[in-house]
Amino acid sequence: RFTISRDNAKNTVYLQMNSLKPEDTAVYYCYLNVRSFDYWGQGTQVTV
């Protein structure tokens, strides 16, 4: 149902979410690992 992809030139990651279900409702956080350090986005709400 979901597909992750990445544009290296833009340092951007995408998550295409199809056939969404109510149980997919959550705050979604972006994650990045650089040289063993983890970084997190502020979160974006998805409500189904």
All heavy atoms as atom14 arrays in JSON, in Angstrom:
{
  "sequence": "RFTISRDNAKNTVYLQMNSLKPEDTAVYYCYLNVRSFDYWGQGTQVTV",
  "atom14_mask": [
    [1, 1, 1, 1, 1, 1, 1, 1, 1, 1, 1, 0, 0, 0],
    [1, 1, 1, 1, 1, 1, 1, 1, 1, 1, 1, 0, 0, 0],
    [1, 1, 1, 1, 1, 1, 1, 0, 0, 0, 0, 0, 0, 0],
    [1, 1, 1, 1, 1, 1, 1, 1, 0, 0, 0, 0, 0, 0],
    [1, 1, 1, 1, 1, 1, 0, 0, 0, 0, 0, 0, 0, 0],
    [1, 1, 1, 1, 1, 1, 1, 1, 1, 1, 1, 0, 0, 0],
    [1, 1, 1, 1, 1, 1, 1, 1, 0, 0, 0, 0, 0, 0],
    [1, 1, 1, 1, 1, 1, 1, 1, 0, 0, 0, 0, 0, 0],
    [1, 1, 1, 1, 1, 0, 0, 0, 0, 0, 0, 0, 0, 0],
    [1, 1, 1, 1, 1, 1, 1, 1, 1, 0, 0, 0, 0, 0],
    [1, 1, 1, 1, 1, 1, 1, 1, 0, 0, 0, 0, 0, 0],
    [1, 1, 1, 1, 1, 1, 1, 0, 0, 0, 0, 0, 0, 0],
    [1, 1, 1, 1, 1, 1, 1, 0, 0, 0, 0, 0, 0, 0],
    [1, 1, 1, 1, 1, 1, 1, 1, 1, 1, 1, 1, 0, 0],
    [1, 1, 1, 1, 1, 1, 1, 1, 0, 0, 0, 0, 0, 0],
    [1, 1, 1, 1, 1, 1, 1, 1, 1, 0, 0, 0, 0, 0],
    [1, 1, 1, 1, 1, 1, 1, 1, 0, 0, 0, 0, 0, 0],
    [1, 1, 1, 1, 1, 1, 1, 1, 0, 0, 0, 0, 0, 0],
    [1, 1, 1, 1, 1, 1, 0, 0, 0, 0, 0, 0, 0, 0],
    [1, 1, 1, 1, 1, 1, 1, 1, 0, 0, 0, 0, 0, 0],
    [1, 1, 1, 1, 1, 1, 1, 1, 1, 0, 0, 0, 0, 0],
    [1, 1, 1, 1, 1, 1, 1, 0, 0, 0, 0, 0, 0, 0],
    [1, 1, 1, 1, 1, 1, 1, 1, 1, 0, 0, 0, 0, 0],
    [1, 1, 1, 1, 1, 1, 1, 1, 0, 0, 0, 0, 0, 0],
    [1, 1, 1, 1, 1, 1, 1, 0, 0, 0, 0, 0, 0, 0],
    [1, 1, 1, 1, 1, 0, 0, 0, 0, 0, 0, 0, 0, 0],
    [1, 1, 1, 1, 1, 1, 1, 0, 0, 0, 0, 0, 0, 0],
    [1, 1, 1, 1, 1, 1, 1, 1, 1, 1, 1, 1, 0, 0],
    [1, 1, 1, 1, 1, 1, 1, 1, 1, 1, 1, 1, 0, 0],
    [1, 1, 1, 1, 1, 1, 0, 0, 0, 0, 0, 0, 0, 0],
    [1, 1, 1, 1, 1, 1, 1, 1, 1, 1, 1, 1, 0, 0],
    [1, 1, 1, 1, 1, 1, 1, 1, 0, 0, 0, 0, 0, 0],
    [1, 1, 1, 1, 1, 1, 1, 1, 0, 0, 0, 0, 0, 0],
    [1, 1, 1, 1, 1, 1, 1, 0, 0, 0, 0, 0, 0, 0],
    [1, 1, 1, 1, 1, 1, 1, 1, 1, 1, 1, 0, 0, 0],
    [1, 1, 1, 1, 1, 1, 0, 0, 0, 0, 0, 0, 0, 0],
    [1, 1, 1, 1, 1, 1, 1, 1, 1, 1, 1, 0, 0, 0],
    [1, 1, 1, 1, 1, 1, 1, 1, 0, 0, 0, 0, 0, 0],
    [1, 1, 1, 1, 1, 1, 1, 1, 1, 1, 1, 1, 0, 0],
    [1, 1, 1, 1, 1, 1, 1, 1, 1, 1, 1, 1, 1, 1],
    [1, 1, 1, 1, 0, 0, 0, 0, 0, 0, 0, 0, 0, 0],
    [1, 1, 1, 1, 1, 1, 1, 1, 1, 0, 0, 0, 0, 0],
    [1, 1, 1, 1, 0, 0, 0, 0, 0, 0, 0, 0, 0, 0],
    [1, 1, 1, 1, 1, 1, 1, 0, 0, 0, 0, 0, 0, 0],
    [1, 1, 1, 1, 1, 1, 1, 1, 1, 0, 0, 0, 0, 0],
    [1, 1, 1, 1, 1, 1, 1, 0, 0, 0, 0, 0, 0, 0],
    [1, 1, 1, 1, 1, 1, 1, 0, 0, 0, 0, 0, 0, 0],
    [1, 1, 1, 1, 1, 1, 1, 0, 0, 0, 0, 0, 0, 0]
  ],
  "atom14_positions": [
    [[0.82, -1.22, 0.0], [0.0, 0.0, 0.0], [0.85, 1.26, 0.0], [0.48, 2.27, -0.6], [-0.92, 0.01, 1.22], [-1.88, -1.16, 1.29], [-2.9, -0.98, 2.42], [-2.27, -0.92, 3.74], [-2.4, 0.12, 4.57], [-3.12, 1.17, 4.22], [-1.81, 0.08, 5.76], [0.0, 0.0, 0.0], [0.0, 0.0, 0.0], [0.0, 0.0, 0.0]],
    [[1.98, 1.23, 0.69], [2.86, 2.39, 0.81], [4.12, 2.17, -0.02], [4.61, 1.04, -0.12], [3.28, 2.61, 2.26], [2.19, 3.06, 3.19], [0.85, 3.06, 2.8], [2.5, 3.51, 4.46], [-0.14, 3.47, 3.66], [1.52, 3.93, 5.34], [0.2, 3.9, 4.93], [0.0, 0.0, 0.0], [0.0, 0.0, 0.0], [0.0, 0.0, 0.0]],
    [[4.65, 3.25, -0.57], [5.9, 3.2, -1.32], [6.8, 4.33, -0.88], [6.39, 5.5, -0.91], [5.64, 3.31, -2.83], [4.77, 2.26, -3.26], [6.95, 3.19, -3.6], [0.0, 0.0, 0.0], [0.0, 0.0, 0.0], [0.0, 0.0, 0.0], [0.0, 0.0, 0.0], [0.0, 0.0, 0.0], [0.0, 0.0, 0.0], [0.0, 0.0, 0.0]],
    [[8.02, 3.99, -0.5], [9.01, 4.99, -0.12], [9.95, 5.22, -1.3], [10.32, 4.29, -2.0], [9.78, 4.58, 1.15], [10.61, 5.74, 1.67], [10.62, 3.33, 0.91], [11.19, 5.5, 3.06], [0.0, 0.0, 0.0], [0.0, 0.0, 0.0], [0.0, 0.0, 0.0], [0.0, 0.0, 0.0], [0.0, 0.0, 0.0], [0.0, 0.0, 0.0]],
    [[10.32, 6.49, -1.5], [11.27, 6.81, -2.55], [12.11, 8.0, -2.1], [11.8, 8.65, -1.1], [10.54, 7.14, -3.86], [9.68, 8.25, -3.7], [0.0, 0.0, 0.0], [0.0, 0.0, 0.0], [0.0, 0.0, 0.0], [0.0, 0.0, 0.0], [0.0, 0.0, 0.0], [0.0, 0.0, 0.0], [0.0, 0.0, 0.0], [0.0, 0.0, 0.0]],
    [[13.15, 8.26, -2.85], [14.11, 9.28, -2.42], [14.68, 10.0, -3.62], [14.95, 9.38, -4.65], [15.22, 8.57, -1.63], [16.29, 9.43, -1.07], [17.22, 8.56, -0.22], [18.52, 9.12, -0.11], [19.54, 8.53, 0.53], [19.37, 7.36, 1.08], [20.7, 9.11, 0.6], [0.0, 0.0, 0.0], [0.0, 0.0, 0.0], [0.0, 0.0, 0.0]],
    [[14.82, 11.31, -3.49], [15.49, 12.14, -4.5], [16.78, 12.6, -3.87], [16.79, 13.53, -3.04], [14.59, 13.31, -4.89], [15.17, 14.14, -6.01], [16.42, 14.18, -6.16], [14.39, 14.75, -6.75], [0.0, 0.0, 0.0], [0.0, 0.0, 0.0], [0.0, 0.0, 0.0], [0.0, 0.0, 0.0], [0.0, 0.0, 0.0], [0.0, 0.0, 0.0]],
    [[17.89, 11.97, -4.25], [19.17, 12.28, -3.62], [19.62, 13.71, -3.9], [20.22, 14.35, -3.04], [20.23, 11.29, -4.1], [20.0, 9.89, -3.59], [19.45, 9.7, -2.51], [20.39, 8.91, -4.38], [0.0, 0.0, 0.0], [0.0, 0.0, 0.0], [0.0, 0.0, 0.0], [0.0, 0.0, 0.0], [0.0, 0.0, 0.0], [0.0, 0.0, 0.0]],
    [[19.32, 14.2, -5.07], [19.74, 15.56, -5.43], [19.06, 16.61, -4.56], [19.62, 17.68, -4.31], [19.44, 15.82, -6.9], [0.0, 0.0, 0.0], [0.0, 0.0, 0.0], [0.0, 0.0, 0.0], [0.0, 0.0, 0.0], [0.0, 0.0, 0.0], [0.0, 0.0, 0.0], [0.0, 0.0, 0.0], [0.0, 0.0, 0.0], [0.0, 0.0, 0.0]],
    [[17.86, 16.28, -4.08], [17.1, 17.23, -3.27], [17.13, 16.86, -1.79], [16.49, 17.55, -0.98], [15.64, 17.27, -3.74], [15.47, 17.8, -5.16], [13.99, 17.83, -5.54], [13.81, 18.35, -6.95], [12.37, 18.36, -7.35], [0.0, 0.0, 0.0], [0.0, 0.0, 0.0], [0.0, 0.0, 0.0], [0.0, 0.0, 0.0], [0.0, 0.0, 0.0]],
    [[17.83, 15.78, -1.45], [17.84, 15.29, -0.05], [16.42, 15.15, 0.49], [16.12, 15.56, 1.62], [18.66, 16.22, 0.86], [20.15, 16.12, 0.59], [20.67, 15.05, 0.26], [20.84, 17.24, 0.7], [0.0, 0.0, 0.0], [0.0, 0.0, 0.0], [0.0, 0.0, 0.0], [0.0, 0.0, 0.0], [0.0, 0.0, 0.0], [0.0, 0.0, 0.0]],
    [[15.57, 14.6, -0.33], [14.16, 14.5, 0.0], [13.71, 13.05, -0.06], [14.1, 12.32, -0.98], [13.31, 15.35, -0.95], [13.69, 16.73, -0.81], [11.83, 15.22, -0.64], [0.0, 0.0, 0.0], [0.0, 0.0, 0.0], [0.0, 0.0, 0.0], [0.0, 0.0, 0.0], [0.0, 0.0, 0.0], [0.0, 0.0, 0.0], [0.0, 0.0, 0.0]],
    [[12.9, 12.67, 0.92], [12.3, 11.34, 0.93], [10.79, 11.5, 0.87], [10.23, 12.45, 1.43], [12.74, 10.55, 2.18], [12.25, 11.19, 3.46], [12.28, 9.1, 2.1], [0.0, 0.0, 0.0], [0.0, 0.0, 0.0], [0.0, 0.0, 0.0], [0.0, 0.0, 0.0], [0.0, 0.0, 0.0], [0.0, 0.0, 0.0], [0.0, 0.0, 0.0]],
    [[10.16, 10.58, 0.15], [8.71, 10.62, -0.04], [8.09, 9.33, 0.49], [8.71, 8.27, 0.48], [8.37, 10.76, -1.53], [9.0, 11.94, -2.2], [10.19, 11.8, -2.92], [8.42, 13.2, -2.13], [10.78, 12.88, -3.55], [9.01, 14.29, -2.77], [10.19, 14.12, -3.47], [10.77, 15.19, -4.09], [0.0, 0.0, 0.0], [0.0, 0.0, 0.0]],
    [[6.85, 9.45, 0.9], [6.07, 8.26, 1.26], [4.72, 8.38, 0.57], [3.9, 9.21, 0.95], [5.89, 8.14, 2.77], [5.21, 6.85, 3.24], [6.11, 5.65, 2.96], [4.85, 6.92, 4.72], [0.0, 0.0, 0.0], [0.0, 0.0, 0.0], [0.0, 0.0, 0.0], [0.0, 0.0, 0.0], [0.0, 0.0, 0.0], [0.0, 0.0, 0.0]],
    [[4.53, 7.58, -0.45], [3.25, 7.52, -1.13], [2.37, 6.5, -0.41], [2.74, 5.32, -0.31], [3.43, 7.12, -2.59], [2.13, 6.98, -3.37], [1.41, 8.3, -3.53], [2.02, 9.32, -3.84], [0.09, 8.29, -3.33], [0.0, 0.0, 0.0], [0.0, 0.0, 0.0], [0.0, 0.0, 0.0], [0.0, 0.0, 0.0], [0.0, 0.0, 0.0]],
    [[1.24, 6.96, 0.08], [0.35, 6.11, 0.87], [-0.96, 5.94, 0.12], [-1.68, 6.91, -0.1], [0.11, 6.72, 2.24], [1.39, 7.01, 3.02], [1.1, 7.6, 4.7], [0.37, 9.21, 4.34], [0.0, 0.0, 0.0], [0.0, 0.0, 0.0], [0.0, 0.0, 0.0], [0.0, 0.0, 0.0], [0.0, 0.0, 0.0], [0.0, 0.0, 0.0]],
    [[-1.25, 4.71, -0.28], [-2.48, 4.4, -0.99], [-3.34, 3.46, -0.16], [-2.86, 2.84, 0.78], [-2.16, 3.75, -2.34], [-1.36, 4.64, -3.26], [-1.5, 5.86, -3.23], [-0.52, 4.04, -4.09], [0.0, 0.0, 0.0], [0.0, 0.0, 0.0], [0.0, 0.0, 0.0], [0.0, 0.0, 0.0], [0.0, 0.0, 0.0], [0.0, 0.0, 0.0]],
    [[-4.59, 3.36, -0.54], [-5.54, 2.46, 0.16], [-5.47, 2.66, 1.67], [-5.38, 1.69, 2.44], [-5.23, 1.0, -0.2], [-5.29, 0.79, -1.59], [0.0, 0.0, 0.0], [0.0, 0.0, 0.0], [0.0, 0.0, 0.0], [0.0, 0.0, 0.0], [0.0, 0.0, 0.0], [0.0, 0.0, 0.0], [0.0, 0.0, 0.0], [0.0, 0.0, 0.0]],
    [[-5.52, 3.9, 2.07], [-5.38, 4.22, 3.49], [-6.53, 3.66, 4.31], [-7.69, 3.62, 3.84], [-5.26, 5.73, 3.67], [-3.87, 6.29, 3.33], [-3.93, 7.77, 3.06], [-2.9, 5.96, 4.46], [0.0, 0.0, 0.0], [0.0, 0.0, 0.0], [0.0, 0.0, 0.0], [0.0, 0.0, 0.0], [0.0, 0.0, 0.0], [0.0, 0.0, 0.0]],
    [[-6.19, 3.25, 5.52], [-7.16, 2.67, 6.45], [-7.22, 3.52, 7.72], [-6.24, 4.21, 8.04], [-6.72, 1.25, 6.82], [-6.51, 0.32, 5.65], [-5.97, -1.03, 6.13], [-5.74, -1.97, 4.96], [-5.22, -3.29, 5.43], [0.0, 0.0, 0.0], [0.0, 0.0, 0.0], [0.0, 0.0, 0.0], [0.0, 0.0, 0.0], [0.0, 0.0, 0.0]],
    [[-8.31, 3.44, 8.45], [-8.39, 4.2, 9.7], [-7.23, 3.89, 10.65], [-6.76, 4.78, 11.37], [-9.73, 3.75, 10.29], [-10.56, 3.42, 9.1], [-9.6, 2.8, 8.12], [0.0, 0.0, 0.0], [0.0, 0.0, 0.0], [0.0, 0.0, 0.0], [0.0, 0.0, 0.0], [0.0, 0.0, 0.0], [0.0, 0.0, 0.0], [0.0, 0.0, 0.0]],
    [[-6.73, 2.66, 10.63], [-5.62, 2.3, 11.51], [-4.29, 2.91, 11.08], [-3.29, 2.78, 11.79], [-5.49, 0.77, 11.63], [-5.45, 0.04, 10.32], [-6.81, -0.51, 9.91], [-7.83, 0.22, 10.05], [-6.86, -1.66, 9.44], [0.0, 0.0, 0.0], [0.0, 0.0, 0.0], [0.0, 0.0, 0.0], [0.0, 0.0, 0.0], [0.0, 0.0, 0.0]],
    [[-4.26, 3.58, 9.94], [-3.06, 4.32, 9.54], [-3.01, 5.7, 10.18], [-2.02, 6.42, 10.04], [-3.02, 4.48, 8.02], [-2.86, 3.16, 7.28], [-2.04, 2.33, 7.72], [-3.56, 2.97, 6.27], [0.0, 0.0, 0.0], [0.0, 0.0, 0.0], [0.0, 0.0, 0.0], [0.0, 0.0, 0.0], [0.0, 0.0, 0.0], [0.0, 0.0, 0.0]],
    [[-4.07, 6.08, 10.87], [-4.1, 7.38, 11.54], [-3.0, 7.46, 12.59], [-2.88, 6.6, 13.46], [-5.47, 7.6, 12.2], [-6.47, 7.66, 11.18], [-5.49, 8.88, 13.01], [0.0, 0.0, 0.0], [0.0, 0.0, 0.0], [0.0, 0.0, 0.0], [0.0, 0.0, 0.0], [0.0, 0.0, 0.0], [0.0, 0.0, 0.0], [0.0, 0.0, 0.0]],
    [[-2.17, 8.49, 12.48], [-1.03, 8.65, 13.38], [-0.31, 9.95, 13.03], [-0.59, 10.58, 12.0], [-0.07, 7.48, 13.25], [0.0, 0.0, 0.0], [0.0, 0.0, 0.0], [0.0, 0.0, 0.0], [0.0, 0.0, 0.0], [0.0, 0.0, 0.0], [0.0, 0.0, 0.0], [0.0, 0.0, 0.0], [0.0, 0.0, 0.0], [0.0, 0.0, 0.0]],
    [[0.62, 10.3, 13.9], [1.59, 11.34, 13.55], [2.76, 10.64, 12.87], [3.32, 9.68, 13.42], [2.08, 12.12, 14.79], [3.13, 13.14, 14.37], [0.9, 12.81, 15.47], [0.0, 0.0, 0.0], [0.0, 0.0, 0.0], [0.0, 0.0, 0.0], [0.0, 0.0, 0.0], [0.0, 0.0, 0.0], [0.0, 0.0, 0.0], [0.0, 0.0, 0.0]],
    [[3.09, 11.1, 11.68], [4.18, 10.5, 10.91], [5.43, 11.36, 11.04], [5.38, 12.58, 10.83], [3.76, 10.38, 9.45], [2.81, 9.23, 9.21], [1.5, 9.28, 9.69], [3.21, 8.08, 8.54], [0.62, 8.22, 9.5], [2.34, 7.02, 8.33], [1.05, 7.1, 8.83], [0.19, 6.04, 8.64], [0.0, 0.0, 0.0], [0.0, 0.0, 0.0]],
    [[6.54, 10.7, 11.39], [7.8, 11.4, 11.62], [8.81, 10.99, 10.56], [9.03, 9.79, 10.3], [8.36, 11.05, 12.99], [7.52, 11.52, 14.14], [6.54, 10.71, 14.69], [7.7, 12.8, 14.67], [5.75, 11.14, 15.74], [6.91, 13.24, 15.72], [5.94, 12.41, 16.26], [5.17, 12.84, 17.3], [0.0, 0.0, 0.0], [0.0, 0.0, 0.0]],
    [[9.46, 11.98, 10.0], [10.56, 11.73, 9.09], [11.8, 11.35, 9.89], [12.02, 11.88, 10.99], [10.82, 12.99, 8.27], [12.17, 12.85, 7.08], [0.0, 0.0, 0.0], [0.0, 0.0, 0.0], [0.0, 0.0, 0.0], [0.0, 0.0, 0.0], [0.0, 0.0, 0.0], [0.0, 0.0, 0.0], [0.0, 0.0, 0.0], [0.0, 0.0, 0.0]],
    [[12.6, 10.49, 9.34], [13.8, 9.97, 10.02], [14.99, 10.05, 9.07], [14.88, 9.76, 7.87], [13.56, 8.52, 10.42], [14.79, 7.74, 10.8], [15.35, 7.87, 12.07], [15.39, 6.87, 9.89], [16.47, 7.14, 12.42], [16.51, 6.15, 10.23], [17.07, 6.28, 11.5], [18.18, 5.57, 11.85], [0.0, 0.0, 0.0], [0.0, 0.0, 0.0]],
    [[16.13, 10.42, 9.65], [17.36, 10.51, 8.88], [18.51, 9.97, 9.73], [18.63, 10.32, 10.91], [17.64, 11.97, 8.5], [19.01, 12.3, 7.91], [19.14, 11.72, 6.51], [19.22, 13.81, 7.86], [0.0, 0.0, 0.0], [0.0, 0.0, 0.0], [0.0, 0.0, 0.0], [0.0, 0.0, 0.0], [0.0, 0.0, 0.0], [0.0, 0.0, 0.0]],
    [[19.33, 9.13, 9.14], [20.53, 8.65, 9.81], [21.74, 9.1, 9.01], [21.9, 8.73, 7.84], [20.51, 7.14, 9.95], [21.74, 6.63, 10.69], [22.79, 6.41, 10.09], [21.62, 6.47, 11.99], [0.0, 0.0, 0.0], [0.0, 0.0, 0.0], [0.0, 0.0, 0.0], [0.0, 0.0, 0.0], [0.0, 0.0, 0.0], [0.0, 0.0, 0.0]],
    [[22.58, 9.89, 9.66], [23.8, 10.4, 9.04], [24.96, 10.08, 9.96], [24.96, 10.52, 11.11], [23.72, 11.92, 8.8], [25.06, 12.44, 8.25], [22.59, 12.25, 7.85], [0.0, 0.0, 0.0], [0.0, 0.0, 0.0], [0.0, 0.0, 0.0], [0.0, 0.0, 0.0], [0.0, 0.0, 0.0], [0.0, 0.0, 0.0], [0.0, 0.0, 0.0]],
    [[25.88, 9.3, 9.46], [27.08, 8.94, 10.24], [26.7, 8.44, 11.63], [27.26, 8.85, 12.64], [28.02, 10.14, 10.36], [28.62, 10.53, 9.02], [29.61, 11.66, 9.15], [30.26, 11.94, 7.88], [31.18, 12.87, 7.7], [31.56, 13.62, 8.71], [31.72, 13.07, 6.52], [0.0, 0.0, 0.0], [0.0, 0.0, 0.0], [0.0, 0.0, 0.0]],
    [[25.7, 7.56, 11.68], [25.25, 6.89, 12.9], [24.47, 7.79, 13.85], [24.14, 7.37, 14.96], [26.43, 6.26, 13.66], [27.06, 5.3, 12.84], [0.0, 0.0, 0.0], [0.0, 0.0, 0.0], [0.0, 0.0, 0.0], [0.0, 0.0, 0.0], [0.0, 0.0, 0.0], [0.0, 0.0, 0.0], [0.0, 0.0, 0.0], [0.0, 0.0, 0.0]],
    [[24.2, 9.03, 13.45], [23.36, 9.91, 14.25], [21.95, 9.9, 13.67], [21.77, 9.96, 12.46], [23.91, 11.33, 14.27], [25.15, 11.48, 15.11], [26.4, 11.4, 14.52], [25.07, 11.69, 16.47], [27.56, 11.53, 15.28], [26.21, 11.82, 17.24], [27.46, 11.73, 16.65], [0.0, 0.0, 0.0], [0.0, 0.0, 0.0], [0.0, 0.0, 0.0]],
    [[20.96, 9.84, 14.56], [19.56, 9.85, 14.15], [18.98, 11.26, 14.3], [19.21, 11.94, 15.3], [18.73, 8.9, 15.02], [19.1, 7.46, 14.8], [19.63, 7.13, 13.72], [18.86, 6.65, 15.72], [0.0, 0.0, 0.0], [0.0, 0.0, 0.0], [0.0, 0.0, 0.0], [0.0, 0.0, 0.0], [0.0, 0.0, 0.0], [0.0, 0.0, 0.0]],
    [[18.2, 11.66, 13.3], [17.51, 12.95, 13.33], [16.04, 12.7, 13.01], [15.69, 11.78, 12.26], [18.12, 13.9, 12.3], [19.57, 14.22, 12.55], [20.57, 13.46, 11.95], [19.94, 15.27, 13.4], [21.9, 13.74, 12.18], [21.27, 15.55, 13.63], [22.25, 14.78, 13.03], [23.57, 15.05, 13.26], [0.0, 0.0, 0.0], [0.0, 0.0, 0.0]],
    [[15.19, 13.57, 13.6], [13.74, 13.41, 13.46], [13.09, 14.71, 13.02], [13.51, 15.8, 13.44], [13.13, 12.98, 14.79], [13.64, 11.66, 15.27], [14.7, 11.43, 16.08], [13.12, 10.37, 14.91], [14.87, 10.08, 16.28], [13.92, 9.41, 15.57], [12.07, 9.95, 14.12], [13.68, 8.03, 15.45], [11.83, 8.59, 14.0], [12.63, 7.64, 14.66]],
    [[12.06, 14.58, 12.22], [11.24, 15.74, 11.88], [10.27, 16.03, 13.0], [10.19, 15.32, 14.0], [0.0, 0.0, 0.0], [0.0, 0.0, 0.0], [0.0, 0.0, 0.0], [0.0, 0.0, 0.0], [0.0, 0.0, 0.0], [0.0, 0.0, 0.0], [0.0, 0.0, 0.0], [0.0, 0.0, 0.0], [0.0, 0.0, 0.0], [0.0, 0.0, 0.0]],
    [[9.51, 17.1, 12.81], [8.58, 17.54, 13.86], [7.28, 16.74, 13.86], [6.52, 16.79, 14.83], [8.27, 19.04, 13.69], [7.24, 19.36, 12.62], [7.79, 19.31, 11.2], [8.97, 19.0, 10.98], [6.96, 19.64, 10.23], [0.0, 0.0, 0.0], [0.0, 0.0, 0.0], [0.0, 0.0, 0.0], [0.0, 0.0, 0.0], [0.0, 0.0, 0.0]],
    [[7.04, 16.0, 12.8], [5.84, 15.18, 12.72], [4.73, 15.85, 11.94], [4.57, 17.07, 11.99], [0.0, 0.0, 0.0], [0.0, 0.0, 0.0], [0.0, 0.0, 0.0], [0.0, 0.0, 0.0], [0.0, 0.0, 0.0], [0.0, 0.0, 0.0], [0.0, 0.0, 0.0], [0.0, 0.0, 0.0], [0.0, 0.0, 0.0], [0.0, 0.0, 0.0]],
    [[3.99, 15.05, 11.2], [2.84, 15.54, 10.46], [1.67, 14.59, 10.68], [1.84, 13.37, 10.62], [3.17, 15.7, 8.96], [2.05, 16.3, 8.29], [3.52, 14.38, 8.3], [0.0, 0.0, 0.0], [0.0, 0.0, 0.0], [0.0, 0.0, 0.0], [0.0, 0.0, 0.0], [0.0, 0.0, 0.0], [0.0, 0.0, 0.0], [0.0, 0.0, 0.0]],
    [[0.52, 15.15, 10.96], [-0.65, 14.33, 11.3], [-1.3, 13.78, 10.04], [-1.58, 14.52, 9.09], [-1.67, 15.16, 12.07], [-2.96, 14.42, 12.42], [-2.76, 13.35, 13.47], [-2.1, 13.59, 14.49], [-3.33, 12.17, 13.24], [0.0, 0.0, 0.0], [0.0, 0.0, 0.0], [0.0, 0.0, 0.0], [0.0, 0.0, 0.0], [0.0, 0.0, 0.0]],
    [[-1.58, 12.49, 10.07], [-2.37, 11.83, 9.03], [-3.59, 11.24, 9.71], [-3.47, 10.45, 10.65], [-1.57, 10.73, 8.32], [-2.47, 9.92, 7.39], [-0.41, 11.33, 7.53], [0.0, 0.0, 0.0], [0.0, 0.0, 0.0], [0.0, 0.0, 0.0], [0.0, 0.0, 0.0], [0.0, 0.0, 0.0], [0.0, 0.0, 0.0], [0.0, 0.0, 0.0]],
    [[-4.75, 11.65, 9.25], [-6.01, 11.15, 9.81], [-6.83, 10.52, 8.7], [-7.1, 11.17, 7.68], [-6.81, 12.28, 10.47], [-6.02, 12.89, 11.5], [-8.1, 11.74, 11.08], [0.0, 0.0, 0.0], [0.0, 0.0, 0.0], [0.0, 0.0, 0.0], [0.0, 0.0, 0.0], [0.0, 0.0, 0.0], [0.0, 0.0, 0.0], [0.0, 0.0, 0.0]],
    [[-7.2, 9.26, 8.91], [-8.0, 8.54, 7.92], [-9.37, 8.3, 8.55], [-9.51, 7.51, 9.49], [-7.35, 7.21, 7.52], [-8.17, 6.54, 6.41], [-5.91, 7.42, 7.08], [0.0, 0.0, 0.0], [0.0, 0.0, 0.0], [0.0, 0.0, 0.0], [0.0, 0.0, 0.0], [0.0, 0.0, 0.0], [0.0, 0.0, 0.0], [0.0, 0.0, 0.0]]
  ]
}
